[in-house]
């Protein structure tokens, strides 16, 4: 049994080794096919992509100084614009502050002028218009009194005149 068992184990081991060899051979064939495909893809990349990449690299190398100049110009321009905007802001703030002060001064001036005009109107009312009204009233009274006095005397004279002479 021992010989039969040993032969059996040797046969099973030989079958396992042959199976492993078959698997390794199949893996070798698959890797070989993949290697061929990768080589063809590599060639395609070399023929199609690398020239484009080299062209892009050459264009970038050619455009690099222009781009650097452009970036420098934009940087200088933004710095100048920021400085100018700060100056404009300061100027506008100053103008607004001065305008506000002038408006306040003009408002005070107009208010004071209106107060003076009101005071002058009241003074004219007190010193000129009121005495003139009193004098006008007095003159009116004297006029009415004189008219009344003279109309009585005329009335007596008219009473002596004939009716025809009254209407002239």
N, C-alpha and C. Protein backbone atom coordinates (compact mmCIF):
# COMPACT_ATOMS: atom_id res chain seq x y z
N UNK A 1 0.78 -1.17 0.00
CA UNK A 1 0.00 0.00 0.00
C UNK A 1 0.83 1.24 0.00
N UNK A 2 1.86 1.05 0.58
CA UNK A 2 2.71 2.19 0.68
C UNK A 2 3.26 2.57 -0.69
N UNK A 3 3.54 1.54 -1.50
CA UNK A 3 4.01 1.83 -2.84
C UNK A 3 2.88 2.43 -3.69
N UNK A 4 1.70 1.91 -3.54
CA UNK A 4 0.54 2.39 -4.30
C UNK A 4 0.15 3.81 -3.87
N UNK A 5 0.28 3.98 -2.56
CA UNK A 5 -0.06 5.31 -2.03
C UNK A 5 0.99 6.32 -2.48
N UNK A 6 2.21 5.92 -2.49
CA UNK A 6 3.29 6.81 -2.91
C UNK A 6 3.12 7.14 -4.38
N UNK A 7 2.75 6.18 -5.20
CA UNK A 7 2.55 6.40 -6.61
C UNK A 7 1.37 7.35 -6.80
N UNK A 8 0.32 7.16 -6.01
CA UNK A 8 -0.84 8.03 -6.09
C UNK A 8 -0.46 9.48 -5.76
N UNK A 9 0.29 9.63 -4.70
CA UNK A 9 0.72 10.99 -4.32
C UNK A 9 1.62 11.61 -5.38
N UNK A 10 2.49 10.82 -5.97
CA UNK A 10 3.37 11.32 -7.02
C UNK A 10 2.53 11.70 -8.24
N UNK A 11 1.52 10.91 -8.54
CA UNK A 11 0.67 11.20 -9.69
C UNK A 11 -0.13 12.47 -9.45
N UNK A 12 -0.66 12.59 -8.23
CA UNK A 12 -1.44 13.81 -7.90
C UNK A 12 -0.52 15.02 -7.94
N UNK A 13 0.69 14.90 -7.42
CA UNK A 13 1.64 16.01 -7.42
C UNK A 13 2.03 16.35 -8.85
N UNK A 14 2.23 15.32 -9.68
CA UNK A 14 2.58 15.58 -11.07
C UNK A 14 1.45 16.28 -11.79
N UNK A 15 0.20 15.88 -11.50
CA UNK A 15 -0.96 16.53 -12.12
C UNK A 15 -1.05 17.98 -11.67
N UNK A 16 -0.79 18.25 -10.39
CA UNK A 16 -0.84 19.62 -9.87
C UNK A 16 0.24 20.47 -10.51
N UNK A 17 1.44 19.88 -10.68
CA UNK A 17 2.54 20.62 -11.31
C UNK A 17 2.20 20.90 -12.75
N UNK A 18 1.61 19.92 -13.46
CA UNK A 18 1.21 20.13 -14.85
C UNK A 18 0.10 21.19 -14.93
N UNK A 19 -0.83 21.15 -13.99
CA UNK A 19 -1.90 22.17 -13.95
C UNK A 19 -1.29 23.55 -13.74
N UNK A 20 -0.36 23.69 -12.82
CA UNK A 20 0.31 24.97 -12.57
C UNK A 20 1.07 25.43 -13.81
N UNK A 21 1.73 24.49 -14.50
CA UNK A 21 2.47 24.83 -15.71
C UNK A 21 1.51 25.34 -16.76
N UNK A 22 0.33 24.69 -16.88
CA UNK A 22 -0.68 25.15 -17.85
C UNK A 22 -1.17 26.54 -17.51
N UNK A 23 -1.43 26.76 -16.25
CA UNK A 23 -1.90 28.11 -15.81
C UNK A 23 -0.82 29.13 -16.08
N UNK A 24 0.43 28.80 -15.77
CA UNK A 24 1.53 29.75 -16.01
C UNK A 24 1.69 30.02 -17.50
N UNK A 25 1.52 28.97 -18.33
CA UNK A 25 1.62 29.16 -19.77
C UNK A 25 0.49 30.07 -20.27
N UNK A 26 -0.72 29.85 -19.77
CA UNK A 26 -1.86 30.70 -20.16
C UNK A 26 -1.62 32.15 -19.73
N UNK A 27 -1.08 32.33 -18.53
CA UNK A 27 -0.75 33.69 -18.06
C UNK A 27 0.31 34.31 -18.95
N UNK A 28 1.32 33.49 -19.35
CA UNK A 28 2.37 34.00 -20.23
C UNK A 28 1.77 34.46 -21.55
N UNK A 29 0.86 33.68 -22.12
CA UNK A 29 0.25 34.03 -23.40
C UNK A 29 -0.57 35.32 -23.24
N UNK A 30 -1.34 35.46 -22.12
CA UNK A 30 -2.16 36.65 -21.89
C UNK A 30 -1.28 37.89 -21.71
N UNK A 31 -0.21 37.74 -20.97
CA UNK A 31 0.71 38.87 -20.75
C UNK A 31 1.37 39.24 -22.06
N UNK A 32 1.69 38.24 -22.88
CA UNK A 32 2.32 38.51 -24.16
C UNK A 32 1.37 39.30 -25.06
N UNK A 33 0.08 38.90 -25.10
CA UNK A 33 -0.91 39.63 -25.91
C UNK A 33 -1.07 41.06 -25.39
N UNK A 34 -1.15 41.19 -24.09
CA UNK A 34 -1.28 42.53 -23.48
C UNK A 34 -0.06 43.37 -23.78
N UNK A 35 1.10 42.77 -23.74
CA UNK A 35 2.34 43.48 -24.03
C UNK A 35 2.34 43.98 -25.47
N UNK A 36 1.86 43.17 -26.39
CA UNK A 36 1.79 43.58 -27.80
C UNK A 36 0.83 44.76 -27.94
N UNK A 37 -0.32 44.68 -27.27
CA UNK A 37 -1.30 45.78 -27.34
C UNK A 37 -0.73 47.05 -26.73
N UNK A 38 -0.05 46.92 -25.62
CA UNK A 38 0.55 48.10 -24.96
C UNK A 38 1.61 48.70 -25.86
N UNK A 39 2.41 47.87 -26.53
CA UNK A 39 3.43 48.39 -27.43
C UNK A 39 2.80 49.14 -28.60
N UNK A 40 1.69 48.60 -29.12
CA UNK A 40 1.03 49.30 -30.23
C UNK A 40 0.44 50.63 -29.75
N UNK A 41 -0.14 50.62 -28.55
CA UNK A 41 -0.66 51.88 -27.98
C UNK A 41 0.47 52.88 -27.73
N UNK A 42 1.59 52.38 -27.29
CA UNK A 42 2.74 53.25 -27.05
C UNK A 42 3.20 53.88 -28.34
N UNK A 43 3.26 53.10 -29.39
CA UNK A 43 3.64 53.65 -30.69
C UNK A 43 2.64 54.70 -31.16
N UNK A 44 1.35 54.41 -30.95
CA UNK A 44 0.30 55.37 -31.34
C UNK A 44 0.43 56.67 -30.55
N UNK A 45 0.70 56.55 -29.26
CA UNK A 45 0.90 57.75 -28.43
C UNK A 45 2.11 58.52 -28.92
N UNK A 46 3.17 57.81 -29.24
CA UNK A 46 4.38 58.48 -29.72
C UNK A 46 4.12 59.22 -31.03
N UNK A 47 3.33 58.61 -31.90
CA UNK A 47 3.11 59.22 -33.21
C UNK A 47 2.05 60.32 -33.18
N UNK A 48 1.06 60.21 -32.27
CA UNK A 48 -0.03 61.18 -32.29
C UNK A 48 0.03 62.19 -31.15
N UNK A 49 0.23 61.74 -29.95
CA UNK A 49 0.15 62.62 -28.79
C UNK A 49 1.45 63.38 -28.57
N UNK A 50 2.56 62.75 -28.67
CA UNK A 50 3.83 63.43 -28.39
C UNK A 50 4.09 64.61 -29.32
N UNK A 51 3.81 64.51 -30.64
CA UNK A 51 4.01 65.71 -31.46
C UNK A 51 3.10 66.87 -31.00
N UNK A 52 1.88 66.53 -30.63
CA UNK A 52 0.98 67.58 -30.15
C UNK A 52 1.50 68.16 -28.85
N UNK A 53 1.97 67.34 -27.95
CA UNK A 53 2.52 67.81 -26.69
C UNK A 53 3.77 68.65 -26.93
N UNK A 54 4.61 68.19 -27.88
CA UNK A 54 5.82 68.97 -28.20
C UNK A 54 5.44 70.32 -28.81
N UNK A 55 4.41 70.32 -29.67
CA UNK A 55 3.94 71.57 -30.25
C UNK A 55 3.40 72.50 -29.16
N UNK A 56 2.62 71.94 -28.24
CA UNK A 56 2.09 72.73 -27.13
C UNK A 56 3.22 73.26 -26.28
N UNK A 57 4.21 72.43 -26.03
CA UNK A 57 5.37 72.87 -25.24
C UNK A 57 6.14 73.98 -25.96
N UNK A 58 6.29 73.83 -27.28
CA UNK A 58 6.98 74.87 -28.06
C UNK A 58 6.18 76.17 -28.04
N UNK A 59 4.85 76.05 -28.18
CA UNK A 59 4.00 77.25 -28.15
C UNK A 59 4.08 77.92 -26.78
N UNK A 60 4.06 77.12 -25.72
CA UNK A 60 4.17 77.68 -24.38
C UNK A 60 5.52 78.36 -24.18
N UNK A 61 6.58 77.73 -24.70
CA UNK A 61 7.90 78.33 -24.58
C UNK A 61 7.95 79.64 -25.35
N UNK A 62 7.28 79.69 -26.51
CA UNK A 62 7.26 80.91 -27.31
C UNK A 62 6.39 81.99 -26.66
N UNK A 63 5.27 81.57 -26.08
CA UNK A 63 4.34 82.54 -25.52
C UNK A 63 4.67 82.94 -24.09
N UNK A 64 5.55 82.21 -23.43
CA UNK A 64 5.88 82.48 -22.04
C UNK A 64 6.31 83.94 -21.80
N UNK A 65 7.25 84.49 -22.60
CA UNK A 65 7.63 85.89 -22.37
C UNK A 65 6.45 86.86 -22.55
N UNK A 66 5.61 86.57 -23.53
CA UNK A 66 4.45 87.43 -23.76
C UNK A 66 3.48 87.36 -22.58
N UNK A 67 3.26 86.15 -22.10
CA UNK A 67 2.36 85.98 -20.95
C UNK A 67 2.93 86.67 -19.72
N UNK A 68 4.24 86.53 -19.51
CA UNK A 68 4.87 87.20 -18.36
C UNK A 68 4.73 88.72 -18.48
N UNK A 69 4.94 89.24 -19.70
CA UNK A 69 4.78 90.68 -19.93
C UNK A 69 3.34 91.10 -19.66
N UNK A 70 2.41 90.31 -20.15
CA UNK A 70 0.99 90.60 -19.94
C UNK A 70 0.65 90.61 -18.46
N UNK A 71 1.13 89.62 -17.72
CA UNK A 71 0.87 89.55 -16.28
C UNK A 71 1.48 90.75 -15.57
N UNK A 72 2.70 91.11 -15.95
CA UNK A 72 3.35 92.28 -15.34
C UNK A 72 2.55 93.55 -15.64
N UNK A 73 2.11 93.71 -16.89
CA UNK A 73 1.32 94.90 -17.26
C UNK A 73 0.00 94.97 -16.50
N UNK A 74 -0.65 93.84 -16.38
CA UNK A 74 -1.92 93.81 -15.63
C UNK A 74 -1.67 94.15 -14.16
N UNK A 75 -0.60 93.64 -13.61
CA UNK A 75 -0.26 93.94 -12.22
C UNK A 75 0.00 95.42 -12.02
N UNK A 76 0.79 96.01 -12.92
CA UNK A 76 1.09 97.45 -12.82
C UNK A 76 -0.19 98.26 -13.02
N UNK A 77 -1.01 97.86 -13.98
CA UNK A 77 -2.26 98.59 -14.25
C UNK A 77 -3.19 98.54 -13.06
N UNK A 78 -3.34 97.37 -12.45
CA UNK A 78 -4.23 97.28 -11.29
C UNK A 78 -3.70 98.10 -10.13
N UNK A 79 -2.39 98.13 -9.96
CA UNK A 79 -1.81 98.95 -8.89
C UNK A 79 -2.10 100.43 -9.15
N UNK A 80 -1.90 100.85 -10.40
CA UNK A 80 -2.17 102.25 -10.75
C UNK A 80 -3.66 102.58 -10.59
N UNK A 81 -4.52 101.65 -11.03
CA UNK A 81 -5.96 101.89 -10.90
C UNK A 81 -6.36 101.98 -9.43
N UNK A 82 -5.81 101.13 -8.61
CA UNK A 82 -6.12 101.17 -7.18
C UNK A 82 -5.68 102.51 -6.59
N UNK A 83 -4.49 102.97 -6.96
CA UNK A 83 -4.00 104.26 -6.46
C UNK A 83 -4.90 105.39 -6.93
N UNK A 84 -5.26 105.38 -8.21
CA UNK A 84 -6.14 106.44 -8.75
C UNK A 84 -7.52 106.40 -8.09
N UNK A 85 -8.05 105.20 -7.90
CA UNK A 85 -9.36 105.08 -7.25
C UNK A 85 -9.32 105.58 -5.81
N UNK A 86 -8.21 105.32 -5.13
CA UNK A 86 -8.08 105.85 -3.76
C UNK A 86 -8.03 107.37 -3.79
N UNK A 87 -7.33 107.94 -4.76
CA UNK A 87 -7.28 109.40 -4.88
C UNK A 87 -8.65 109.97 -5.21
N UNK A 88 -9.35 109.31 -6.15
CA UNK A 88 -10.70 109.77 -6.51
C UNK A 88 -11.63 109.68 -5.31
N UNK A 89 -11.51 108.59 -4.54
CA UNK A 89 -12.35 108.43 -3.36
C UNK A 89 -12.07 109.54 -2.35
N UNK A 90 -10.79 109.83 -2.13
CA UNK A 90 -10.44 110.89 -1.19
C UNK A 90 -10.97 112.24 -1.68
N UNK A 91 -10.83 112.49 -2.99
CA UNK A 91 -11.31 113.75 -3.56
C UNK A 91 -12.83 113.86 -3.44
N UNK A 92 -13.53 112.80 -3.79
CA UNK A 92 -14.99 112.83 -3.70
C UNK A 92 -15.46 112.99 -2.25
N UNK A 93 -14.77 112.33 -1.34
CA UNK A 93 -15.13 112.48 0.08
C UNK A 93 -14.93 113.92 0.52
N UNK A 94 -13.82 114.52 0.09
CA UNK A 94 -13.55 115.92 0.42
C UNK A 94 -14.62 116.83 -0.19
N UNK A 95 -14.98 116.58 -1.45
CA UNK A 95 -16.01 117.40 -2.12
C UNK A 95 -17.34 117.27 -1.40
N UNK A 96 -17.71 116.05 -1.03
CA UNK A 96 -18.98 115.84 -0.33
C UNK A 96 -18.97 116.55 1.02
N UNK A 97 -17.84 116.45 1.74
CA UNK A 97 -17.75 117.12 3.04
C UNK A 97 -17.84 118.64 2.88
N UNK A 98 -17.13 119.18 1.91
CA UNK A 98 -17.18 120.63 1.69
C UNK A 98 -18.57 121.07 1.25
N UNK A 99 -19.18 120.29 0.37
CA UNK A 99 -20.53 120.63 -0.08
C UNK A 99 -21.50 120.60 1.09
N UNK A 100 -21.37 119.60 1.95
CA UNK A 100 -22.24 119.52 3.12
C UNK A 100 -22.06 120.77 4.00
N UNK A 101 -20.80 121.18 4.21
CA UNK A 101 -20.54 122.38 5.02
C UNK A 101 -21.13 123.62 4.36
N UNK A 102 -20.99 123.73 3.03
CA UNK A 102 -21.54 124.89 2.33
C UNK A 102 -23.06 124.90 2.39
N UNK A 103 -23.67 123.73 2.29
CA UNK A 103 -25.13 123.66 2.40
C UNK A 103 -25.57 124.10 3.79
N UNK A 104 -24.83 123.66 4.81
CA UNK A 104 -25.15 124.08 6.18
C UNK A 104 -25.01 125.59 6.31
N UNK A 105 -23.92 126.13 5.76
CA UNK A 105 -23.71 127.59 5.82
C UNK A 105 -24.81 128.33 5.07
N UNK A 106 -25.16 127.84 3.89
CA UNK A 106 -26.22 128.48 3.10
C UNK A 106 -27.55 128.41 3.85
N UNK A 107 -27.82 127.29 4.49
CA UNK A 107 -29.06 127.16 5.26
C UNK A 107 -29.08 128.15 6.41
N UNK A 108 -27.95 128.26 7.11
CA UNK A 108 -27.88 129.24 8.21
C UNK A 108 -28.03 130.65 7.67
N UNK A 109 -27.40 130.94 6.53
CA UNK A 109 -27.50 132.27 5.94
C UNK A 109 -28.94 132.60 5.57
N UNK A 110 -29.61 131.65 4.90
CA UNK A 110 -31.00 131.87 4.49
C UNK A 110 -31.89 132.02 5.73
N UNK A 111 -31.65 131.18 6.73
CA UNK A 111 -32.44 131.28 7.96
C UNK A 111 -32.23 132.63 8.63
N UNK A 112 -30.98 133.07 8.74
CA UNK A 112 -30.70 134.39 9.34
C UNK A 112 -31.32 135.50 8.51
N UNK A 113 -31.22 135.38 7.18
CA UNK A 113 -31.81 136.42 6.32
C UNK A 113 -33.32 136.47 6.49
N UNK A 114 -33.95 135.30 6.54
CA UNK A 114 -35.40 135.26 6.73
C UNK A 114 -35.78 135.85 8.10
N UNK A 115 -34.97 135.55 9.12
CA UNK A 115 -35.23 136.14 10.45
C UNK A 115 -35.11 137.65 10.40
N UNK A 116 -34.07 138.16 9.71
CA UNK A 116 -33.88 139.62 9.60
C UNK A 116 -35.03 140.25 8.83
N UNK A 117 -35.47 139.57 7.74
CA UNK A 117 -36.59 140.11 6.96
C UNK A 117 -37.84 140.17 7.83
N UNK A 118 -38.06 139.15 8.63
CA UNK A 118 -39.23 139.12 9.52
C UNK A 118 -39.14 140.24 10.56
N UNK A 119 -37.94 140.40 11.12
CA UNK A 119 -37.75 141.48 12.11
C UNK A 119 -37.96 142.84 11.44
N UNK A 120 -37.45 143.01 10.21
CA UNK A 120 -37.61 144.27 9.49
C UNK A 120 -39.09 144.52 9.19
N UNK A 121 -39.79 143.47 8.76
CA UNK A 121 -41.23 143.62 8.49
C UNK A 121 -41.98 144.04 9.75
N UNK A 122 -41.64 143.42 10.87
CA UNK A 122 -42.30 143.79 12.12
C UNK A 122 -41.96 145.23 12.52
N UNK A 123 -40.69 145.62 12.31
CA UNK A 123 -40.28 146.99 12.65
C UNK A 123 -41.00 147.99 11.75
N UNK A 124 -41.10 147.70 10.45
CA UNK A 124 -41.81 148.58 9.52
C UNK A 124 -43.28 148.65 9.92
N UNK A 125 -43.84 147.49 10.27
CA UNK A 125 -45.24 147.45 10.71
C UNK A 125 -45.44 148.35 11.93
N UNK A 126 -44.53 148.24 12.89
CA UNK A 126 -44.63 149.01 14.13
C UNK A 126 -44.38 150.50 13.91
N UNK A 127 -43.35 150.82 13.14
CA UNK A 127 -42.93 152.22 13.05
C UNK A 127 -43.53 152.99 11.89
N UNK A 128 -43.93 152.32 10.82
CA UNK A 128 -44.43 153.04 9.65
C UNK A 128 -45.91 152.76 9.41
N UNK A 129 -46.25 151.50 9.23
CA UNK A 129 -47.60 151.16 8.81
C UNK A 129 -48.61 151.51 9.90
N UNK A 130 -48.32 151.16 11.13
CA UNK A 130 -49.28 151.43 12.21
C UNK A 130 -49.52 152.93 12.38
N UNK A 131 -48.47 153.76 12.45
CA UNK A 131 -48.73 155.21 12.56
C UNK A 131 -49.44 155.75 11.32
N UNK A 132 -49.10 155.23 10.13
CA UNK A 132 -49.77 155.70 8.91
C UNK A 132 -51.25 155.32 8.97
N UNK A 133 -51.57 154.15 9.45
CA UNK A 133 -52.98 153.76 9.59
C UNK A 133 -53.70 154.68 10.58
N UNK A 134 -53.01 154.93 11.70
CA UNK A 134 -53.62 155.85 12.68
C UNK A 134 -53.84 157.22 12.05
N UNK A 135 -52.82 157.71 11.35
CA UNK A 135 -52.92 159.02 10.71
C UNK A 135 -53.99 159.00 9.62
N UNK A 136 -54.06 157.88 8.86
CA UNK A 136 -55.08 157.74 7.82
C UNK A 136 -56.47 157.74 8.45
N UNK A 137 -56.61 157.01 9.56
CA UNK A 137 -57.90 157.00 10.26
C UNK A 137 -58.27 158.38 10.77
N UNK A 138 -57.28 159.07 11.31
CA UNK A 138 -57.51 160.44 11.81
C UNK A 138 -57.90 161.35 10.66
N UNK A 139 -57.18 161.24 9.53
CA UNK A 139 -57.48 162.07 8.37
C UNK A 139 -58.87 161.74 7.82
N UNK A 140 -59.20 160.49 7.82
CA UNK A 140 -60.52 160.08 7.34
C UNK A 140 -61.61 160.68 8.24
N UNK A 141 -61.33 160.64 9.55
CA UNK A 141 -62.29 161.22 10.49
C UNK A 141 -62.47 162.71 10.28
N UNK A 142 -61.33 163.39 10.09
CA UNK A 142 -61.39 164.84 9.86
C UNK A 142 -62.12 165.12 8.55
N UNK A 143 -61.82 164.32 7.50
CA UNK A 143 -62.47 164.50 6.21
C UNK A 143 -63.97 164.30 6.33
N UNK A 144 -64.38 163.24 7.01
CA UNK A 144 -65.80 162.97 7.16
C UNK A 144 -66.45 164.10 7.96
N UNK A 145 -65.74 164.56 9.00
CA UNK A 145 -66.28 165.67 9.81
C UNK A 145 -66.44 166.93 8.97
N UNK A 146 -65.43 167.25 8.14
CA UNK A 146 -65.51 168.45 7.32
C UNK A 146 -66.58 168.30 6.25
N UNK A 147 -66.67 167.11 5.66
CA UNK A 147 -67.70 166.89 4.66
C UNK A 147 -69.08 167.07 5.28
N UNK A 148 -69.21 166.53 6.45
CA UNK A 148 -70.51 166.66 7.14
C UNK A 148 -70.79 168.13 7.43
N UNK A 149 -69.79 168.83 7.90
CA UNK A 149 -69.97 170.25 8.21
C UNK A 149 -70.31 171.03 6.95
N UNK A 150 -69.55 170.80 5.88
CA UNK A 150 -69.82 171.54 4.65
C UNK A 150 -71.09 171.08 3.97
N UNK A 151 -71.47 169.87 4.10
CA UNK A 151 -72.69 169.41 3.46
C UNK A 151 -73.90 170.00 4.17
N UNK A 152 -73.83 170.30 5.44
CA UNK A 152 -74.92 170.96 6.13
C UNK A 152 -75.07 172.38 5.61
N UNK A 153 -73.95 173.02 5.45
CA UNK A 153 -74.04 174.40 4.96
C UNK A 153 -74.55 174.40 3.54
N UNK A 154 -74.17 173.45 2.73
CA UNK A 154 -74.65 173.36 1.38
C UNK A 154 -76.13 172.98 1.39
N UNK A 155 -76.44 172.10 2.33
CA UNK A 155 -77.81 171.68 2.42
C UNK A 155 -78.72 172.87 2.69
N UNK A 156 -78.29 173.80 3.51
CA UNK A 156 -79.08 175.01 3.74
C UNK A 156 -79.11 175.86 2.49
N UNK A 157 -77.95 175.93 1.81
CA UNK A 157 -77.91 176.72 0.59
C UNK A 157 -78.71 176.04 -0.49
N UNK A 158 -78.70 174.70 -0.53
CA UNK A 158 -79.44 173.96 -1.53
C UNK A 158 -80.94 174.09 -1.26
N UNK A 159 -81.27 174.21 -0.03
CA UNK A 159 -82.69 174.37 0.29
C UNK A 159 -83.19 175.69 -0.23
N UNK A 160 -82.33 176.69 -0.31
CA UNK A 160 -82.73 178.00 -0.81
C UNK A 160 -82.76 178.01 -2.32
N UNK A 161 -82.06 177.10 -3.01
CA UNK A 161 -82.01 177.06 -4.47
C UNK A 161 -83.26 176.38 -4.99
N UNK A 162 -83.70 176.77 -6.15
CA UNK A 162 -84.83 176.09 -6.74
C UNK A 162 -84.42 174.67 -7.13
N UNK A 163 -85.38 173.83 -7.29
CA UNK A 163 -85.16 172.42 -7.58
C UNK A 163 -84.44 172.25 -8.89
N UNK A 164 -84.65 173.08 -9.85
CA UNK A 164 -84.02 172.92 -11.14
C UNK A 164 -82.52 173.15 -11.07
N UNK A 165 -82.08 174.03 -10.17
CA UNK A 165 -80.68 174.35 -10.08
C UNK A 165 -79.90 173.30 -9.29
N UNK A 166 -80.57 172.47 -8.57
CA UNK A 166 -79.89 171.45 -7.81
C UNK A 166 -79.25 170.41 -8.73
N UNK A 167 -79.85 170.15 -9.87
CA UNK A 167 -79.31 169.16 -10.79
C UNK A 167 -78.53 169.84 -11.88
N UNK A 168 -77.35 169.78 -11.82
CA UNK A 168 -76.51 170.40 -12.83
C UNK A 168 -75.80 169.36 -13.62
